[in-house]
N, C-alpha and C. Protein backbone atom coordinates (compact mmCIF):
# COMPACT_ATOMS: atom_id res chain seq x y z
N MET A 1 73.95 40.41 -108.09
CA MET A 1 74.96 39.87 -107.18
C MET A 1 75.23 38.42 -107.54
N THR A 2 76.52 38.03 -107.61
CA THR A 2 76.87 36.65 -107.98
C THR A 2 76.62 35.74 -106.81
N ASP A 3 76.75 34.43 -107.05
CA ASP A 3 76.54 33.47 -106.01
C ASP A 3 77.51 33.67 -104.85
N GLU A 4 78.73 34.13 -105.20
CA GLU A 4 79.74 34.39 -104.15
C GLU A 4 79.49 35.69 -103.42
N GLY A 5 78.64 36.49 -104.04
CA GLY A 5 78.34 37.78 -103.42
C GLY A 5 79.52 38.78 -103.57
N TYR A 6 79.50 39.78 -102.66
CA TYR A 6 80.54 40.79 -102.67
C TYR A 6 81.84 40.08 -102.26
N HIS A 7 82.93 40.38 -102.98
CA HIS A 7 84.22 39.84 -102.53
C HIS A 7 85.37 40.55 -103.18
N ARG A 8 86.41 40.75 -102.36
CA ARG A 8 87.68 41.25 -102.87
C ARG A 8 88.81 40.53 -102.13
N MET A 9 89.87 40.32 -102.83
CA MET A 9 90.99 39.53 -102.27
C MET A 9 92.12 40.46 -101.86
N SER A 10 92.52 40.39 -100.60
CA SER A 10 93.68 41.14 -100.17
C SER A 10 94.84 40.20 -100.23
N HIS A 11 95.87 40.47 -101.07
CA HIS A 11 96.99 39.59 -101.21
C HIS A 11 98.00 39.74 -100.13
N ALA A 12 98.03 40.91 -99.48
CA ALA A 12 98.96 41.14 -98.39
C ALA A 12 98.48 40.38 -97.14
N THR A 13 99.45 39.92 -96.27
CA THR A 13 99.08 39.30 -95.01
C THR A 13 98.45 40.36 -94.11
N THR A 14 97.25 40.09 -93.67
CA THR A 14 96.47 41.10 -92.94
C THR A 14 96.37 40.65 -91.50
N ALA A 15 96.65 41.52 -90.54
CA ALA A 15 96.53 41.18 -89.15
C ALA A 15 95.08 41.05 -88.79
N PRO A 16 94.78 40.15 -87.82
CA PRO A 16 93.38 39.95 -87.46
C PRO A 16 92.61 41.21 -87.13
N SER A 17 93.29 42.19 -86.47
CA SER A 17 92.63 43.41 -86.12
C SER A 17 92.11 44.17 -87.34
N SER A 18 92.72 44.00 -88.51
CA SER A 18 92.24 44.65 -89.68
C SER A 18 90.88 44.11 -90.10
N GLU A 19 90.67 42.81 -89.95
CA GLU A 19 89.37 42.25 -90.25
C GLU A 19 88.29 42.73 -89.26
N THR A 20 88.70 42.80 -87.97
CA THR A 20 87.70 43.30 -86.99
C THR A 20 87.34 44.76 -87.22
N ALA A 21 88.26 45.51 -87.79
CA ALA A 21 87.90 46.90 -88.16
C ALA A 21 86.80 46.94 -89.18
N VAL A 22 86.80 45.97 -90.10
CA VAL A 22 85.75 45.90 -91.12
C VAL A 22 84.42 45.50 -90.44
N VAL A 23 84.42 44.55 -89.50
CA VAL A 23 83.22 44.23 -88.77
C VAL A 23 82.65 45.39 -88.01
N LEU A 24 83.55 46.15 -87.40
CA LEU A 24 83.09 47.30 -86.58
C LEU A 24 82.53 48.41 -87.39
N ARG A 25 82.78 48.38 -88.70
CA ARG A 25 82.22 49.37 -89.64
C ARG A 25 80.71 49.32 -89.59
N VAL A 26 80.09 48.13 -89.30
CA VAL A 26 78.65 47.98 -89.30
C VAL A 26 78.10 47.74 -87.89
N ALA A 27 78.97 47.89 -86.86
CA ALA A 27 78.58 47.52 -85.50
C ALA A 27 77.32 48.24 -85.03
N ALA A 28 77.26 49.54 -85.38
CA ALA A 28 76.13 50.31 -84.90
C ALA A 28 74.79 49.88 -85.48
N ARG A 29 74.81 49.10 -86.59
CA ARG A 29 73.59 48.63 -87.20
C ARG A 29 73.21 47.19 -86.84
N LEU A 30 73.98 46.59 -85.97
CA LEU A 30 73.72 45.21 -85.56
C LEU A 30 72.87 45.18 -84.34
N GLU A 31 71.84 44.31 -84.32
CA GLU A 31 70.92 44.17 -83.20
C GLU A 31 70.71 42.70 -82.86
N PRO A 32 71.11 42.21 -81.70
CA PRO A 32 71.76 43.00 -80.65
C PRO A 32 73.25 43.26 -80.96
N GLY A 33 73.80 44.22 -80.32
CA GLY A 33 75.15 44.62 -80.50
C GLY A 33 76.09 43.72 -79.69
N SER A 34 76.21 42.47 -80.12
CA SER A 34 77.03 41.51 -79.34
C SER A 34 77.74 40.56 -80.28
N PHE A 35 78.71 39.86 -79.72
CA PHE A 35 79.45 38.86 -80.47
C PHE A 35 79.81 37.68 -79.59
N SER A 36 80.05 36.54 -80.18
CA SER A 36 80.63 35.41 -79.49
C SER A 36 81.85 34.93 -80.28
N ALA A 37 82.84 34.41 -79.51
CA ALA A 37 84.05 33.99 -80.17
C ALA A 37 84.54 32.67 -79.53
N PRO A 38 83.84 31.60 -79.86
CA PRO A 38 84.24 30.27 -79.29
C PRO A 38 85.67 29.91 -79.71
N GLY A 39 86.49 29.56 -78.73
CA GLY A 39 87.79 29.08 -79.02
C GLY A 39 88.78 30.12 -79.40
N VAL A 40 88.48 31.43 -79.32
CA VAL A 40 89.32 32.49 -79.71
C VAL A 40 89.83 33.21 -78.45
N ASP A 41 91.16 33.37 -78.30
CA ASP A 41 91.71 34.09 -77.17
C ASP A 41 92.72 35.17 -77.64
N ASP A 42 92.77 35.45 -78.94
CA ASP A 42 93.76 36.44 -79.42
C ASP A 42 93.24 37.82 -79.10
N PRO A 43 94.03 38.58 -78.30
CA PRO A 43 93.56 39.93 -77.86
C PRO A 43 93.48 40.94 -79.03
N SER A 44 94.27 40.70 -80.10
CA SER A 44 94.14 41.59 -81.26
C SER A 44 92.84 41.40 -82.01
N VAL A 45 92.13 40.31 -81.75
CA VAL A 45 90.79 40.04 -82.31
C VAL A 45 89.75 40.52 -81.30
N LEU A 46 89.89 40.05 -80.07
CA LEU A 46 88.87 40.31 -79.06
C LEU A 46 88.83 41.77 -78.56
N GLY A 47 89.99 42.32 -78.38
CA GLY A 47 90.03 43.71 -77.91
C GLY A 47 89.25 44.73 -78.68
N PRO A 48 89.50 44.79 -80.01
CA PRO A 48 88.75 45.78 -80.78
C PRO A 48 87.22 45.48 -80.75
N LEU A 49 86.85 44.20 -80.87
CA LEU A 49 85.41 43.88 -80.86
C LEU A 49 84.77 44.27 -79.53
N GLU A 50 85.49 44.08 -78.42
CA GLU A 50 84.94 44.36 -77.11
C GLU A 50 84.81 45.89 -76.91
N SER A 51 85.49 46.65 -77.71
CA SER A 51 85.42 48.11 -77.56
C SER A 51 84.04 48.68 -78.03
N GLN A 52 83.35 47.86 -78.91
CA GLN A 52 82.03 48.38 -79.41
C GLN A 52 80.92 47.34 -79.29
N LEU A 53 81.25 46.12 -79.03
CA LEU A 53 80.22 45.03 -78.95
C LEU A 53 80.42 44.34 -77.61
N THR A 54 79.29 43.76 -77.12
CA THR A 54 79.30 43.00 -75.87
C THR A 54 79.57 41.52 -76.18
N ARG A 55 80.57 40.96 -75.51
CA ARG A 55 80.86 39.53 -75.70
C ARG A 55 79.87 38.69 -74.93
N VAL A 56 79.27 37.72 -75.61
CA VAL A 56 78.33 36.81 -74.93
C VAL A 56 78.75 35.35 -75.27
N PRO A 57 78.34 34.43 -74.43
CA PRO A 57 78.74 32.99 -74.68
C PRO A 57 78.14 32.43 -75.97
N HIS A 58 76.89 32.82 -76.23
CA HIS A 58 76.17 32.35 -77.43
C HIS A 58 75.19 33.38 -77.95
N GLY A 59 74.89 33.26 -79.24
CA GLY A 59 73.80 34.09 -79.72
C GLY A 59 74.09 35.51 -80.14
N GLY A 60 75.39 35.86 -80.34
CA GLY A 60 75.70 37.19 -80.74
C GLY A 60 75.40 37.48 -82.21
N SER A 61 75.35 38.72 -82.51
CA SER A 61 75.07 39.07 -83.93
C SER A 61 76.28 38.78 -84.81
N VAL A 62 77.45 38.68 -84.18
CA VAL A 62 78.69 38.34 -84.86
C VAL A 62 79.32 37.09 -84.23
N ILE A 63 79.74 36.17 -85.06
CA ILE A 63 80.45 34.99 -84.55
C ILE A 63 81.89 34.99 -85.14
N VAL A 64 82.86 34.79 -84.30
CA VAL A 64 84.26 34.78 -84.75
C VAL A 64 84.88 33.43 -84.37
N GLY A 65 85.61 32.79 -85.28
CA GLY A 65 86.27 31.57 -84.91
C GLY A 65 86.60 30.68 -86.09
N SER A 66 86.96 29.45 -85.81
CA SER A 66 87.22 28.46 -86.88
C SER A 66 85.90 28.02 -87.53
N GLU A 67 86.02 27.41 -88.71
CA GLU A 67 84.81 26.90 -89.35
C GLU A 67 84.02 25.95 -88.45
N ALA A 68 84.73 25.02 -87.82
CA ALA A 68 84.05 24.04 -87.02
C ALA A 68 83.32 24.72 -85.81
N ASP A 69 83.99 25.64 -85.16
CA ASP A 69 83.36 26.29 -84.02
C ASP A 69 82.22 27.18 -84.47
N VAL A 70 82.32 27.83 -85.59
CA VAL A 70 81.22 28.68 -86.10
C VAL A 70 80.04 27.80 -86.47
N LEU A 71 80.24 26.67 -87.11
CA LEU A 71 79.17 25.80 -87.48
C LEU A 71 78.45 25.23 -86.23
N THR A 72 79.24 24.92 -85.21
CA THR A 72 78.62 24.44 -83.97
C THR A 72 77.76 25.52 -83.34
N GLU A 73 78.27 26.77 -83.37
CA GLU A 73 77.54 27.86 -82.83
C GLU A 73 76.26 28.13 -83.61
N LEU A 74 76.30 28.01 -84.93
CA LEU A 74 75.12 28.23 -85.73
C LEU A 74 74.04 27.17 -85.41
N GLY A 75 74.52 25.96 -85.15
CA GLY A 75 73.54 24.87 -84.83
C GLY A 75 72.83 25.02 -83.50
N SER A 76 73.48 25.79 -82.63
CA SER A 76 72.90 25.95 -81.27
C SER A 76 72.24 27.33 -81.04
N THR A 77 72.19 28.14 -82.09
CA THR A 77 71.63 29.52 -81.99
C THR A 77 70.32 29.61 -82.73
N PRO A 78 69.19 29.76 -82.04
CA PRO A 78 67.93 29.81 -82.76
C PRO A 78 67.84 30.89 -83.77
N GLN A 79 68.25 32.13 -83.39
CA GLN A 79 68.28 33.24 -84.35
C GLN A 79 69.77 33.43 -84.86
N GLY A 80 69.90 33.08 -86.14
CA GLY A 80 71.24 33.11 -86.71
C GLY A 80 71.90 34.45 -86.61
N PRO A 81 73.25 34.45 -86.46
CA PRO A 81 74.04 35.73 -86.43
C PRO A 81 73.99 36.39 -87.81
N VAL A 82 74.32 37.64 -87.79
CA VAL A 82 74.33 38.40 -89.04
C VAL A 82 75.62 38.36 -89.74
N VAL A 83 76.70 38.40 -89.00
CA VAL A 83 78.05 38.47 -89.58
C VAL A 83 78.93 37.37 -89.04
N LEU A 84 79.71 36.75 -89.91
CA LEU A 84 80.65 35.68 -89.53
C LEU A 84 82.06 36.11 -89.91
N LEU A 85 82.97 35.97 -88.96
CA LEU A 85 84.42 36.18 -89.25
C LEU A 85 85.07 34.83 -89.00
N VAL A 86 85.49 34.16 -90.03
CA VAL A 86 85.91 32.75 -89.96
C VAL A 86 87.32 32.58 -90.44
N GLU A 87 88.10 31.81 -89.70
CA GLU A 87 89.44 31.53 -90.05
C GLU A 87 89.50 30.78 -91.42
N ALA A 88 90.46 31.15 -92.25
CA ALA A 88 90.52 30.55 -93.59
C ALA A 88 91.27 29.25 -93.58
N THR A 89 91.68 28.70 -92.45
CA THR A 89 92.34 27.42 -92.34
C THR A 89 91.58 26.35 -93.10
N GLY A 90 92.33 25.60 -93.96
CA GLY A 90 91.67 24.51 -94.65
C GLY A 90 91.20 24.84 -96.03
N LEU A 91 91.12 26.12 -96.35
CA LEU A 91 90.71 26.52 -97.71
C LEU A 91 91.91 26.48 -98.60
N ALA A 92 91.73 25.96 -99.81
CA ALA A 92 92.89 25.83 -100.76
C ALA A 92 93.26 27.27 -101.28
N PRO A 93 94.56 27.52 -101.33
CA PRO A 93 95.02 28.77 -101.89
C PRO A 93 94.53 28.94 -103.32
N SER A 94 94.13 30.14 -103.70
CA SER A 94 93.57 30.36 -105.01
C SER A 94 93.65 31.84 -105.33
N ILE A 95 93.85 32.13 -106.62
CA ILE A 95 93.82 33.52 -107.02
C ILE A 95 92.43 34.11 -106.85
N LYS A 96 91.47 33.23 -107.15
CA LYS A 96 90.06 33.64 -106.95
C LYS A 96 89.62 33.31 -105.53
N PRO A 97 88.96 34.18 -104.82
CA PRO A 97 88.55 33.93 -103.41
C PRO A 97 87.76 32.62 -103.29
N THR A 98 88.13 31.83 -102.27
CA THR A 98 87.37 30.62 -101.98
C THR A 98 86.57 30.81 -100.68
N TRP A 99 85.46 30.07 -100.58
CA TRP A 99 84.61 30.25 -99.42
C TRP A 99 84.30 28.86 -98.79
N HIS A 100 83.84 28.88 -97.56
CA HIS A 100 83.45 27.68 -96.85
C HIS A 100 82.12 27.18 -97.38
N PRO A 101 82.05 26.03 -98.10
CA PRO A 101 80.80 25.57 -98.65
C PRO A 101 79.72 25.41 -97.64
N ALA A 102 80.04 24.93 -96.46
CA ALA A 102 78.98 24.64 -95.47
C ALA A 102 78.35 25.98 -95.01
N LEU A 103 79.11 27.07 -94.96
CA LEU A 103 78.58 28.36 -94.53
C LEU A 103 77.73 28.99 -95.63
N VAL A 104 78.22 28.80 -96.88
CA VAL A 104 77.40 29.33 -98.00
C VAL A 104 76.06 28.56 -98.07
N SER A 105 76.10 27.23 -97.84
CA SER A 105 74.85 26.48 -97.79
C SER A 105 73.94 26.86 -96.64
N ALA A 106 74.50 27.40 -95.59
CA ALA A 106 73.76 27.81 -94.45
C ALA A 106 73.12 29.19 -94.62
N GLY A 107 73.29 29.82 -95.80
CA GLY A 107 72.67 31.03 -96.10
C GLY A 107 73.50 32.30 -95.92
N TYR A 108 74.82 32.10 -95.94
CA TYR A 108 75.75 33.27 -95.78
C TYR A 108 76.45 33.56 -97.14
N VAL A 109 76.62 34.87 -97.33
CA VAL A 109 77.25 35.39 -98.53
C VAL A 109 78.67 35.81 -98.25
N GLY A 110 79.63 35.38 -99.03
CA GLY A 110 80.99 35.76 -98.84
C GLY A 110 81.19 37.26 -99.20
N CYS A 111 81.81 38.00 -98.34
CA CYS A 111 82.04 39.45 -98.56
C CYS A 111 83.49 39.86 -98.82
N LEU A 112 84.34 39.35 -97.87
CA LEU A 112 85.72 39.78 -97.97
C LEU A 112 86.68 38.55 -97.67
N ALA A 113 87.69 38.36 -98.50
CA ALA A 113 88.67 37.32 -98.32
C ALA A 113 90.02 37.93 -98.09
N THR A 114 90.68 37.59 -97.01
CA THR A 114 92.06 38.03 -96.72
C THR A 114 92.90 36.80 -96.57
N ALA A 115 94.18 37.01 -96.26
CA ALA A 115 95.12 35.91 -96.18
C ALA A 115 94.72 34.86 -95.16
N GLY A 116 94.12 35.31 -94.03
CA GLY A 116 93.84 34.37 -92.93
C GLY A 116 92.39 34.26 -92.55
N TRP A 117 91.48 35.06 -93.13
CA TRP A 117 90.11 35.11 -92.69
C TRP A 117 89.17 35.21 -93.87
N ARG A 118 87.89 34.82 -93.55
CA ARG A 118 86.78 35.04 -94.53
C ARG A 118 85.69 35.77 -93.74
N LEU A 119 85.09 36.75 -94.37
CA LEU A 119 84.07 37.53 -93.74
C LEU A 119 82.74 37.30 -94.53
N TYR A 120 81.70 36.91 -93.79
CA TYR A 120 80.38 36.59 -94.38
C TYR A 120 79.32 37.45 -93.76
N VAL A 121 78.25 37.67 -94.55
CA VAL A 121 77.05 38.29 -94.04
C VAL A 121 75.87 37.43 -94.41
N HIS A 122 74.86 37.37 -93.54
CA HIS A 122 73.66 36.57 -93.83
C HIS A 122 72.96 37.15 -95.06
N ALA A 123 72.46 36.24 -95.90
CA ALA A 123 71.83 36.68 -97.14
C ALA A 123 70.74 37.74 -96.93
N ASP A 124 70.00 37.61 -95.80
CA ASP A 124 68.92 38.56 -95.56
C ASP A 124 69.42 39.96 -95.29
N ALA A 125 70.71 40.08 -94.94
CA ALA A 125 71.26 41.45 -94.64
C ALA A 125 72.29 41.82 -95.70
N SER A 126 72.42 41.08 -96.73
CA SER A 126 73.46 41.33 -97.74
C SER A 126 73.20 42.65 -98.46
N GLN A 127 71.96 43.03 -98.72
CA GLN A 127 71.67 44.26 -99.44
C GLN A 127 72.01 45.49 -98.59
N THR A 128 71.87 45.39 -97.28
CA THR A 128 72.10 46.55 -96.44
C THR A 128 73.52 46.64 -95.87
N LEU A 129 74.15 45.50 -95.67
CA LEU A 129 75.49 45.49 -95.01
C LEU A 129 76.63 44.98 -95.97
N GLY A 130 76.24 44.26 -97.00
CA GLY A 130 77.25 43.62 -97.82
C GLY A 130 78.29 44.53 -98.40
N ALA A 131 77.88 45.69 -98.93
CA ALA A 131 78.82 46.61 -99.59
C ALA A 131 79.81 47.13 -98.53
N ASP A 132 79.40 47.39 -97.33
CA ASP A 132 80.27 47.97 -96.30
C ASP A 132 81.23 46.91 -95.74
N LEU A 133 80.96 45.67 -95.98
CA LEU A 133 81.78 44.62 -95.54
C LEU A 133 82.69 44.02 -96.59
N SER A 134 82.70 44.72 -97.79
CA SER A 134 83.33 44.08 -98.95
C SER A 134 84.71 44.63 -99.24
N TYR A 135 85.23 45.61 -98.46
CA TYR A 135 86.53 46.13 -98.75
C TYR A 135 87.40 46.17 -97.48
N PRO A 136 88.72 46.02 -97.63
CA PRO A 136 89.60 45.93 -96.41
C PRO A 136 89.58 47.20 -95.53
N ALA A 137 90.08 47.07 -94.38
CA ALA A 137 90.13 48.19 -93.45
C ALA A 137 91.00 49.33 -94.06
N THR A 138 90.58 50.55 -93.93
CA THR A 138 91.35 51.63 -94.40
C THR A 138 92.43 52.02 -93.40
N ASP A 139 93.37 52.82 -93.84
CA ASP A 139 94.43 53.30 -92.94
C ASP A 139 93.80 54.03 -91.72
N ALA A 140 92.79 54.82 -91.99
CA ALA A 140 92.15 55.59 -90.90
C ALA A 140 91.55 54.66 -89.89
N GLU A 141 90.92 53.57 -90.36
CA GLU A 141 90.30 52.63 -89.43
C GLU A 141 91.33 51.90 -88.59
N ARG A 142 92.42 51.49 -89.23
CA ARG A 142 93.51 50.82 -88.50
C ARG A 142 94.17 51.75 -87.47
N ASP A 143 94.31 53.04 -87.88
CA ASP A 143 94.92 54.01 -86.94
C ASP A 143 93.95 54.25 -85.78
N ALA A 144 92.63 54.30 -86.06
CA ALA A 144 91.69 54.51 -84.97
C ALA A 144 91.72 53.34 -83.94
N GLN A 145 91.84 52.09 -84.45
CA GLN A 145 91.91 50.98 -83.57
C GLN A 145 93.20 51.04 -82.72
N ALA A 146 94.30 51.40 -83.34
CA ALA A 146 95.60 51.45 -82.68
C ALA A 146 95.52 52.54 -81.55
N GLU A 147 94.90 53.66 -81.85
CA GLU A 147 94.78 54.74 -80.90
C GLU A 147 93.87 54.32 -79.73
N HIS A 148 92.78 53.63 -80.06
CA HIS A 148 91.90 53.14 -79.04
C HIS A 148 92.64 52.18 -78.08
N ALA A 149 93.43 51.26 -78.66
CA ALA A 149 94.18 50.34 -77.85
C ALA A 149 95.15 51.07 -76.98
N ARG A 150 95.80 52.08 -77.51
CA ARG A 150 96.81 52.84 -76.72
C ARG A 150 96.13 53.54 -75.58
N GLN A 151 94.98 54.15 -75.84
CA GLN A 151 94.26 54.86 -74.71
C GLN A 151 93.81 53.89 -73.69
N ALA A 152 93.34 52.71 -74.11
CA ALA A 152 92.94 51.74 -73.12
C ALA A 152 94.08 51.26 -72.25
N LEU A 153 95.22 51.11 -72.87
CA LEU A 153 96.44 50.73 -72.14
C LEU A 153 96.81 51.80 -71.09
N LEU A 154 96.85 53.03 -71.55
CA LEU A 154 97.18 54.15 -70.65
C LEU A 154 96.20 54.25 -69.50
N ALA A 155 94.94 54.03 -69.79
CA ALA A 155 93.95 54.10 -68.71
C ALA A 155 94.18 53.02 -67.63
N GLU A 156 94.56 51.81 -68.12
CA GLU A 156 94.83 50.75 -67.17
C GLU A 156 96.09 51.01 -66.36
N ILE A 157 97.12 51.55 -67.05
CA ILE A 157 98.37 51.88 -66.33
C ILE A 157 98.10 52.89 -65.26
N VAL A 158 97.36 53.94 -65.63
CA VAL A 158 97.04 55.02 -64.63
C VAL A 158 96.27 54.39 -63.43
N GLN A 159 95.30 53.56 -63.73
CA GLN A 159 94.48 52.94 -62.67
C GLN A 159 95.36 52.11 -61.77
N TRP A 160 96.20 51.25 -62.34
CA TRP A 160 97.03 50.35 -61.48
C TRP A 160 98.09 51.19 -60.74
N ARG A 161 98.68 52.17 -61.40
CA ARG A 161 99.69 53.00 -60.74
C ARG A 161 99.11 53.83 -59.59
N THR A 162 97.91 54.38 -59.83
CA THR A 162 97.25 55.10 -58.73
C THR A 162 96.99 54.24 -57.52
N ALA A 163 96.47 53.04 -57.84
CA ALA A 163 96.18 52.11 -56.71
C ALA A 163 97.43 51.71 -55.98
N ALA A 164 98.56 51.48 -56.73
CA ALA A 164 99.79 51.05 -56.08
C ALA A 164 100.41 52.23 -55.25
N LEU A 165 100.37 53.41 -55.82
CA LEU A 165 100.96 54.56 -55.07
C LEU A 165 100.15 54.88 -53.84
N THR A 166 98.84 54.74 -53.95
CA THR A 166 98.01 55.03 -52.79
C THR A 166 98.27 54.01 -51.65
N ARG A 167 98.41 52.76 -52.06
CA ARG A 167 98.67 51.72 -51.07
C ARG A 167 100.09 51.90 -50.48
N TRP A 168 101.05 52.17 -51.33
CA TRP A 168 102.43 52.33 -50.84
C TRP A 168 102.59 53.56 -49.91
N SER A 169 101.90 54.66 -50.26
CA SER A 169 102.01 55.85 -49.39
C SER A 169 101.43 55.60 -48.01
N VAL A 170 100.33 54.83 -47.96
CA VAL A 170 99.79 54.52 -46.65
C VAL A 170 100.71 53.64 -45.85
N ARG A 171 101.40 52.73 -46.57
CA ARG A 171 102.34 51.78 -45.95
C ARG A 171 103.62 52.41 -45.58
N ALA A 172 103.95 53.52 -46.19
CA ALA A 172 105.29 54.12 -45.95
C ALA A 172 105.63 54.40 -44.50
N TYR A 173 104.60 54.75 -43.75
CA TYR A 173 104.84 55.08 -42.33
C TYR A 173 105.23 53.83 -41.53
N GLU A 174 104.90 52.65 -42.05
CA GLU A 174 105.18 51.47 -41.31
C GLU A 174 106.47 50.79 -41.73
N GLU A 175 107.13 51.31 -42.75
CA GLU A 175 108.33 50.61 -43.32
C GLU A 175 109.48 50.50 -42.29
N SER A 176 109.67 51.56 -41.50
CA SER A 176 110.82 51.52 -40.60
C SER A 176 110.74 50.37 -39.63
N GLY A 177 109.60 49.89 -39.30
CA GLY A 177 109.47 48.80 -38.30
C GLY A 177 109.27 47.44 -38.92
N LYS A 178 109.47 47.32 -40.25
CA LYS A 178 109.26 46.02 -40.84
C LYS A 178 110.53 45.16 -40.76
N THR A 179 110.32 43.91 -40.74
CA THR A 179 111.43 42.94 -40.79
C THR A 179 111.76 42.68 -42.28
N ASN A 180 112.88 42.01 -42.52
CA ASN A 180 113.29 41.70 -43.89
C ASN A 180 112.19 40.83 -44.55
N LYS A 181 111.65 39.89 -43.82
CA LYS A 181 110.61 39.05 -44.41
C LYS A 181 109.41 39.83 -44.85
N GLU A 182 108.99 40.79 -44.06
CA GLU A 182 107.88 41.61 -44.43
C GLU A 182 108.15 42.42 -45.69
N LEU A 183 109.37 42.95 -45.81
CA LEU A 183 109.72 43.69 -46.99
C LEU A 183 109.74 42.79 -48.27
N VAL A 184 110.22 41.56 -48.10
CA VAL A 184 110.23 40.63 -49.24
C VAL A 184 108.82 40.30 -49.61
N ASP A 185 107.92 40.12 -48.65
CA ASP A 185 106.50 39.86 -48.94
C ASP A 185 105.88 41.03 -49.72
N GLU A 186 106.21 42.21 -49.29
CA GLU A 186 105.67 43.41 -49.92
C GLU A 186 106.12 43.50 -51.42
N LEU A 187 107.40 43.22 -51.59
CA LEU A 187 107.93 43.20 -52.97
C LEU A 187 107.21 42.14 -53.85
N ALA A 188 106.95 40.96 -53.23
CA ALA A 188 106.24 39.90 -53.99
C ALA A 188 104.84 40.39 -54.41
N ARG A 189 104.16 41.07 -53.48
CA ARG A 189 102.83 41.58 -53.85
C ARG A 189 102.87 42.63 -54.94
N ALA A 190 103.92 43.47 -54.89
CA ALA A 190 104.04 44.51 -55.96
C ALA A 190 104.35 43.82 -57.30
N THR A 191 105.20 42.78 -57.29
CA THR A 191 105.52 42.06 -58.51
C THR A 191 104.25 41.37 -59.07
N SER A 192 103.44 40.82 -58.21
CA SER A 192 102.21 40.21 -58.65
C SER A 192 101.30 41.22 -59.31
N MET A 193 101.22 42.41 -58.74
CA MET A 193 100.38 43.48 -59.37
C MET A 193 100.87 43.79 -60.76
N LEU A 194 102.23 43.91 -60.91
CA LEU A 194 102.77 44.24 -62.25
C LEU A 194 102.51 43.08 -63.19
N GLU A 195 102.56 41.87 -62.75
CA GLU A 195 102.28 40.72 -63.67
C GLU A 195 100.77 40.75 -64.10
N THR A 196 99.93 41.20 -63.20
CA THR A 196 98.48 41.26 -63.54
C THR A 196 98.30 42.29 -64.70
N ILE A 197 99.02 43.40 -64.63
CA ILE A 197 98.94 44.41 -65.68
C ILE A 197 99.37 43.75 -66.99
N HIS A 198 100.47 43.00 -66.99
CA HIS A 198 100.97 42.40 -68.21
C HIS A 198 100.04 41.38 -68.80
N ARG A 199 99.12 40.84 -68.00
CA ARG A 199 98.19 39.82 -68.51
C ARG A 199 96.92 40.41 -69.08
N THR A 200 96.72 41.72 -68.91
CA THR A 200 95.48 42.32 -69.42
C THR A 200 95.43 42.33 -70.93
N PHE A 201 94.22 42.40 -71.46
CA PHE A 201 94.06 42.41 -72.92
C PHE A 201 94.73 43.65 -73.49
N SER A 202 94.54 44.81 -72.93
CA SER A 202 95.02 46.04 -73.53
C SER A 202 96.58 46.00 -73.55
N TRP A 203 97.21 45.42 -72.56
CA TRP A 203 98.67 45.31 -72.54
C TRP A 203 99.16 44.47 -73.69
N ARG A 204 98.48 43.30 -73.86
CA ARG A 204 98.93 42.38 -74.92
C ARG A 204 98.62 42.90 -76.32
N VAL A 205 97.42 43.55 -76.45
CA VAL A 205 97.04 43.98 -77.79
C VAL A 205 97.92 45.16 -78.25
N THR A 206 98.52 45.90 -77.36
CA THR A 206 99.35 47.00 -77.71
C THR A 206 100.83 46.67 -77.73
N ALA A 207 101.19 45.39 -77.63
CA ALA A 207 102.57 44.96 -77.62
C ALA A 207 103.26 45.45 -78.92
N PRO A 208 102.68 45.30 -80.12
CA PRO A 208 103.34 45.83 -81.33
C PRO A 208 103.61 47.32 -81.26
N LEU A 209 102.71 48.08 -80.69
CA LEU A 209 102.88 49.54 -80.59
C LEU A 209 104.08 49.84 -79.68
N ARG A 210 104.20 49.16 -78.56
CA ARG A 210 105.30 49.38 -77.64
C ARG A 210 106.61 48.96 -78.26
N ALA A 211 106.60 47.91 -79.07
CA ALA A 211 107.85 47.52 -79.71
C ALA A 211 108.34 48.51 -80.74
N VAL A 212 107.42 49.11 -81.43
CA VAL A 212 107.78 50.17 -82.41
C VAL A 212 108.33 51.39 -81.68
N GLN A 213 107.70 51.76 -80.55
CA GLN A 213 108.19 52.92 -79.83
C GLN A 213 109.51 52.70 -79.25
N THR A 214 109.78 51.46 -78.70
CA THR A 214 111.11 51.13 -78.18
C THR A 214 112.15 51.20 -79.23
N ALA A 215 111.83 50.70 -80.44
CA ALA A 215 112.82 50.79 -81.51
C ALA A 215 113.15 52.20 -81.93
N ARG A 216 112.09 53.07 -81.92
CA ARG A 216 112.33 54.50 -82.22
C ARG A 216 113.22 55.16 -81.21
N LEU A 217 113.00 54.86 -79.93
CA LEU A 217 113.83 55.50 -78.85
C LEU A 217 115.25 55.04 -78.99
N ARG A 218 115.46 53.75 -79.29
CA ARG A 218 116.86 53.23 -79.42
C ARG A 218 117.56 53.91 -80.57
N SER A 219 116.84 54.09 -81.67
CA SER A 219 117.44 54.76 -82.84
C SER A 219 117.76 56.18 -82.55
N ALA A 220 116.94 56.83 -81.74
CA ALA A 220 117.16 58.25 -81.40
C ALA A 220 118.39 58.47 -80.55
N ARG A 221 118.73 57.43 -79.75
CA ARG A 221 119.91 57.53 -78.83
C ARG A 221 121.19 57.30 -79.56
N ARG A 222 121.17 56.73 -80.73
CA ARG A 222 122.41 56.42 -81.50
C ARG A 222 122.99 57.66 -82.11
C-alpha cells in the first residue's frame, strides 16, 4: 500500500449522500456504531447516516465535517474515530488526489477522493476497511438511500396526517358554534403543523425526489 493508501478520483460532481453511502458500506463493522458531525446541518449528509448510525456529540466511530472541525474533534476524543468524511475545501485542484496533511500525520489513510469530500480510514483499520471505502457509491447503493428517504418521508406524512385527521374529526362537532376568530386560530394551528412537516429532515432530504416527480407529472399532462 502506498503512503496515500487506497484512492480513486471521481471526476463527476458527487452529491454528499453518495459519500455517506460509502461510509454506510462498513457501518455494521464499526464499534461503536455512532457518528459525530460538528458544524454539519445538511440533511442529505445527516439523514442517511442517522438511518444506520447513532449521532453523538463527540466520540463517534465516524466524524463528518470540515478539516478544522474534524481536527478539533480528534483532539478532544480519547479513542480516535475509525472513519473520517472531510470536506475538500482548501485542497488544491489536481489530477492526482490530494489529501489533508494534518489528517495523514494524525494516522489516517486516504481512501476516496471526490469533487467535494475526502474519505479516510485510521491506519489500524486500513487492512480490514480500506478496500471497501476505496470506490464510489454504486447505483444500487444510491437507489437504496433514495428509497429509504422516500419511505421515511411517507411514514412522517402518514403520522402527521393521522394526527391531524384525528384531531379535526374530534373538533368537527364543535365547528358550528365557533366564532370567526376561533376558526382563524384553528387554521393557524393547522398551518403550523404543516410547516413542522416541511422542517423535518426527511422532507428536506427528499426534496430532489419530489422535484423530479413533479416534473414527470407536468410532462405527462402536456
